[in-house]
Amino acid sequence: MKIYFAGSIRGGREDAELYMQIIKYLKTFGEVLTEHIGSPSLTCAGDDGLNDRFIHDRDLEWLKLSDILIAEVTSVSMGVGYEIGRAVESGKPVLCLFRSSFGKNLSAMIAGSPDLKLVNYHNLNDAKKAIDEFIKAQEF
């Protein structure tokens, strides 16, 4: 299985360590195409490619190759929202993980979408459980 993981880069890197832990867990299910999202060396400058066009085209190619998208959506990110929209538009299964206990507001475009699975969670173990259930529900 090819997994596209989405998490905030230019919107803030406060959750980079959490992303790394989620990615490590996702790798037990298959190949994570966006493993760099969890890298501690990736900064909010988003310097993970030659230029913005390169990053856009590369990431959309990875999204196209993926079987599912799993996004951590607690930190606001226009890029993550864009990726989710493109995945939904192409019919890919999408899981969004949101930590409501952090006092942040989730976009109504994510919270109100019937075309994705949204799970509120509190810790890494809750996220792992949501991932387990989501992946088990897919038919590949």
C-alpha atoms as a PDB file:
ATOM      1  CA  MET A   1       0.000   0.000   0.000  1.00  0.00           C
ATOM      2  CA  LYS A   2       1.198   3.501  -0.823  1.00  0.00           C
ATOM      3  CA  ILE A   3       0.318   6.091   1.808  1.00  0.00           C
ATOM      4  CA  TYR A   4       0.327   9.858   1.414  1.00  0.00           C
ATOM      5  CA  PHE A   5       0.750  11.528   4.803  1.00  0.00           C
ATOM      6  CA  ALA A   6      -0.084  15.223   5.020  1.00  0.00           C
ATOM      7  CA  GLY A   7       0.907  17.573   7.820  1.00  0.00           C
ATOM      8  CA  SER A   8       1.726  21.239   8.197  1.00  0.00           C
ATOM      9  CA  ILE A   9       5.033  22.540   6.885  1.00  0.00           C
ATOM     10  CA  ARG A  10       4.785  26.248   6.127  1.00  0.00           C
ATOM     11  CA  GLY A  11       1.822  26.579   8.488  1.00  0.00           C
ATOM     12  CA  GLY A  12       4.096  25.659  11.411  1.00  0.00           C
ATOM     13  CA  ARG A  13       6.273  22.754  12.486  1.00  0.00           C
ATOM     14  CA  GLU A  14       5.091  22.446  16.114  1.00  0.00           C
ATOM     15  CA  ASP A  15       3.885  18.884  15.474  1.00  0.00           C
ATOM     16  CA  ALA A  16       6.917  17.608  13.512  1.00  0.00           C
ATOM     17  CA  GLU A  17       7.793  15.060  16.219  1.00  0.00           C
ATOM     18  CA  LEU A  18       4.213  13.762  16.236  1.00  0.00           C
ATOM     19  CA  TYR A  19       4.262  13.535  12.436  1.00  0.00           C
ATOM     20  CA  MET A  20       7.446  11.473  12.648  1.00  0.00           C
ATOM     21  CA  GLN A  21       5.802   9.069  15.115  1.00  0.00           C
ATOM     22  CA  ILE A  22       2.675   8.733  12.967  1.00  0.00           C
ATOM     23  CA  ILE A  23       4.793   8.147   9.851  1.00  0.00           C
ATOM     24  CA  LYS A  24       6.810   5.480  11.658  1.00  0.00           C
ATOM     25  CA  TYR A  25       3.539   3.710  12.486  1.00  0.00           C
ATOM     26  CA  LEU A  26       2.168   4.121   8.952  1.00  0.00           C
ATOM     27  CA  LYS A  27       5.290   2.434   7.586  1.00  0.00           C
ATOM     28  CA  THR A  28       4.111  -0.800   9.224  1.00  0.00           C
ATOM     29  CA  PHE A  29       1.245  -0.790   6.683  1.00  0.00           C
ATOM     30  CA  GLY A  30       3.147   0.190   3.551  1.00  0.00           C
ATOM     31  CA  GLU A  31       5.280   2.807   1.858  1.00  0.00           C
ATOM     32  CA  VAL A  32       4.870   6.387   3.062  1.00  0.00           C
ATOM     33  CA  LEU A  33       5.539   8.554   0.029  1.00  0.00           C
ATOM     34  CA  THR A  34       5.831  11.753   2.068  1.00  0.00           C
ATOM     35  CA  GLU A  35       8.128  10.506   4.807  1.00  0.00           C
ATOM     36  CA  HIS A  36      10.017  13.826   4.812  1.00  0.00           C
ATOM     37  CA  ILE A  37       7.039  15.543   6.510  1.00  0.00           C
ATOM     38  CA  GLY A  38       8.247  14.148   9.841  1.00  0.00           C
ATOM     39  CA  SER A  39      11.876  15.170   9.397  1.00  0.00           C
ATOM     40  CA  PRO A  40      13.174  17.462  12.152  1.00  0.00           C
ATOM     41  CA  SER A  41      15.396  19.164   9.563  1.00  0.00           C
ATOM     42  CA  LEU A  42      12.394  20.365   7.529  1.00  0.00           C
ATOM     43  CA  THR A  43      11.589  23.921   8.566  1.00  0.00           C
ATOM     44  CA  CYS A  44       8.528  26.102   8.111  1.00  0.00           C
ATOM     45  CA  ALA A  45      10.376  27.633   5.153  1.00  0.00           C
ATOM     46  CA  GLY A  46       9.234  24.556   3.237  1.00  0.00           C
ATOM     47  CA  ASP A  47      12.643  24.079   1.673  1.00  0.00           C
ATOM     48  CA  ASP A  48      12.051  20.477   0.594  1.00  0.00           C
ATOM     49  CA  GLY A  49      12.413  21.049  -3.135  1.00  0.00           C
ATOM     50  CA  LEU A  50      14.069  23.182  -5.791  1.00  0.00           C
ATOM     51  CA  ASN A  51      11.176  25.660  -5.922  1.00  0.00           C
ATOM     52  CA  ASP A  52       7.439  25.884  -5.268  1.00  0.00           C
ATOM     53  CA  ARG A  53       6.486  24.498  -8.689  1.00  0.00           C
ATOM     54  CA  PHE A  54       8.748  21.494  -8.180  1.00  0.00           C
ATOM     55  CA  ILE A  55       7.193  20.802  -4.748  1.00  0.00           C
ATOM     56  CA  HIS A  56       3.650  21.167  -6.117  1.00  0.00           C
ATOM     57  CA  ASP A  57       4.209  18.847  -9.062  1.00  0.00           C
ATOM     58  CA  ARG A  58       6.175  16.268  -7.032  1.00  0.00           C
ATOM     59  CA  ASP A  59       3.582  16.141  -4.281  1.00  0.00           C
ATOM     60  CA  LEU A  60       0.664  15.844  -6.700  1.00  0.00           C
ATOM     61  CA  GLU A  61       2.466  12.969  -8.419  1.00  0.00           C
ATOM     62  CA  TRP A  62       2.895  11.245  -5.038  1.00  0.00           C
ATOM     63  CA  LEU A  63      -0.761  11.885  -4.257  1.00  0.00           C
ATOM     64  CA  LYS A  64      -1.747  10.355  -7.587  1.00  0.00           C
ATOM     65  CA  LEU A  65       0.372   7.249  -6.835  1.00  0.00           C
ATOM     66  CA  SER A  66      -1.027   6.822  -3.330  1.00  0.00           C
ATOM     67  CA  ASP A  67      -3.807   4.468  -2.279  1.00  0.00           C
ATOM     68  CA  ILE A  68      -4.912   6.552   0.708  1.00  0.00           C
ATOM     69  CA  LEU A  69      -4.297   9.933   2.305  1.00  0.00           C
ATOM     70  CA  ILE A  70      -3.906  10.370   6.035  1.00  0.00           C
ATOM     71  CA  ALA A  71      -3.675  13.955   7.272  1.00  0.00           C
ATOM     72  CA  GLU A  72      -2.959  15.438  10.672  1.00  0.00           C
ATOM     73  CA  VAL A  73      -5.062  18.614  10.529  1.00  0.00           C
ATOM     74  CA  THR A  74      -4.632  20.203  13.967  1.00  0.00           C
ATOM     75  CA  SER A  75      -2.232  22.875  12.669  1.00  0.00           C
ATOM     76  CA  VAL A  76      -3.840  25.038  10.018  1.00  0.00           C
ATOM     77  CA  SER A  77      -2.276  24.467   6.601  1.00  0.00           C
ATOM     78  CA  MET A  78      -3.582  25.622   3.241  1.00  0.00           C
ATOM     79  CA  GLY A  79      -1.398  23.025   1.541  1.00  0.00           C
ATOM     80  CA  VAL A  80      -2.863  20.157   3.566  1.00  0.00           C
ATOM     81  CA  GLY A  81      -6.366  21.393   2.782  1.00  0.00           C
ATOM     82  CA  TYR A  82      -5.472  21.520  -0.906  1.00  0.00           C
ATOM     83  CA  GLU A  83      -4.094  17.969  -0.786  1.00  0.00           C
ATOM     84  CA  ILE A  84      -7.211  16.706   0.984  1.00  0.00           C
ATOM     85  CA  GLY A  85      -9.442  18.363  -1.595  1.00  0.00           C
ATOM     86  CA  ARG A  86      -7.498  16.848  -4.479  1.00  0.00           C
ATOM     87  CA  ALA A  87      -7.592  13.391  -2.844  1.00  0.00           C
ATOM     88  CA  VAL A  88     -11.349  13.601  -2.243  1.00  0.00           C
ATOM     89  CA  GLU A  89     -11.870  14.832  -5.804  1.00  0.00           C
ATOM     90  CA  SER A  90      -9.998  11.793  -7.138  1.00  0.00           C
ATOM     91  CA  GLY A  91     -11.952   9.354  -4.963  1.00  0.00           C
ATOM     92  CA  LYS A  92      -9.125   8.381  -2.620  1.00  0.00           C
ATOM     93  CA  PRO A  93      -9.967   7.340   0.937  1.00  0.00           C
ATOM     94  CA  VAL A  94      -9.020  10.159   3.328  1.00  0.00           C
ATOM     95  CA  LEU A  95      -8.542  10.071   7.095  1.00  0.00           C
ATOM     96  CA  CYS A  96      -8.154  13.386   8.940  1.00  0.00           C
ATOM     97  CA  LEU A  97      -6.811  13.342  12.490  1.00  0.00           C
ATOM     98  CA  PHE A  98      -7.621  16.353  14.696  1.00  0.00           C
ATOM     99  CA  ARG A  99      -6.690  17.077  18.330  1.00  0.00           C
ATOM    100  CA  SER A 100      -9.627  19.203  19.481  1.00  0.00           C
ATOM    101  CA  SER A 101      -8.157  19.417  22.979  1.00  0.00           C
ATOM    102  CA  PHE A 102      -5.516  21.873  21.696  1.00  0.00           C
ATOM    103  CA  GLY A 103      -8.071  24.682  21.468  1.00  0.00           C
ATOM    104  CA  LYS A 104      -7.774  25.116  17.711  1.00  0.00           C
ATOM    105  CA  ASN A 105     -10.690  25.374  15.322  1.00  0.00           C
ATOM    106  CA  LEU A 106     -11.031  22.964  12.429  1.00  0.00           C
ATOM    107  CA  SER A 107     -12.094  24.311   9.061  1.00  0.00           C
ATOM    108  CA  ALA A 108     -15.760  23.678   8.262  1.00  0.00           C
ATOM    109  CA  MET A 109     -14.597  22.459   4.843  1.00  0.00           C
ATOM    110  CA  ILE A 110     -12.943  19.497   6.592  1.00  0.00           C
ATOM    111  CA  ALA A 111     -15.336  19.072   9.513  1.00  0.00           C
ATOM    112  CA  GLY A 112     -18.373  19.234   7.261  1.00  0.00           C
ATOM    113  CA  SER A 113     -17.173  17.009   4.448  1.00  0.00           C
ATOM    114  CA  PRO A 114     -19.082  13.735   4.091  1.00  0.00           C
ATOM    115  CA  ASP A 115     -16.360  12.446   1.749  1.00  0.00           C
ATOM    116  CA  LEU A 116     -13.669  11.895   4.360  1.00  0.00           C
ATOM    117  CA  LYS A 117     -13.271  10.248   7.739  1.00  0.00           C
ATOM    118  CA  LEU A 118     -12.590  12.712  10.568  1.00  0.00           C
ATOM    119  CA  VAL A 119     -11.368  11.464  13.939  1.00  0.00           C
ATOM    120  CA  ASN A 120     -10.838  13.605  17.015  1.00  0.00           C
ATOM    121  CA  TYR A 121      -8.007  12.167  19.084  1.00  0.00           C
ATOM    122  CA  HIS A 122      -6.012  13.027  22.202  1.00  0.00           C
ATOM    123  CA  ASN A 123      -2.715  11.160  21.919  1.00  0.00           C
ATOM    124  CA  LEU A 124      -0.599   8.972  19.661  1.00  0.00           C
ATOM    125  CA  ASN A 125      -2.298   5.769  20.808  1.00  0.00           C
ATOM    126  CA  ASP A 126      -5.690   7.204  19.838  1.00  0.00           C
ATOM    127  CA  ALA A 127      -4.283   8.156  16.423  1.00  0.00           C
ATOM    128  CA  LYS A 128      -2.907   4.639  15.931  1.00  0.00           C
ATOM    129  CA  LYS A 129      -6.291   3.141  16.758  1.00  0.00           C
ATOM    130  CA  ALA A 130      -8.008   5.458  14.250  1.00  0.00           C
ATOM    131  CA  ILE A 131      -5.435   4.525  11.604  1.00  0.00           C
ATOM    132  CA  ASP A 132      -5.935   0.801  12.291  1.00  0.00           C
ATOM    133  CA  GLU A 133      -9.705   1.088  11.904  1.00  0.00           C
ATOM    134  CA  PHE A 134      -9.428   3.253   8.784  1.00  0.00           C
ATOM    135  CA  ILE A 135      -7.004   0.938   7.005  1.00  0.00           C
ATOM    136  CA  LYS A 136      -8.958  -2.192   7.942  1.00  0.00           C
ATOM    137  CA  ALA A 137     -12.096  -0.630   6.433  1.00  0.00           C
ATOM    138  CA  GLN A 138     -10.434  -0.136   3.021  1.00  0.00           C
ATOM    139  CA  GLU A 139     -10.860  -2.664   0.248  1.00  0.00           C
ATOM    140  CA  PHE A 140      -7.864  -2.796  -2.064  1.00  0.00           C
END
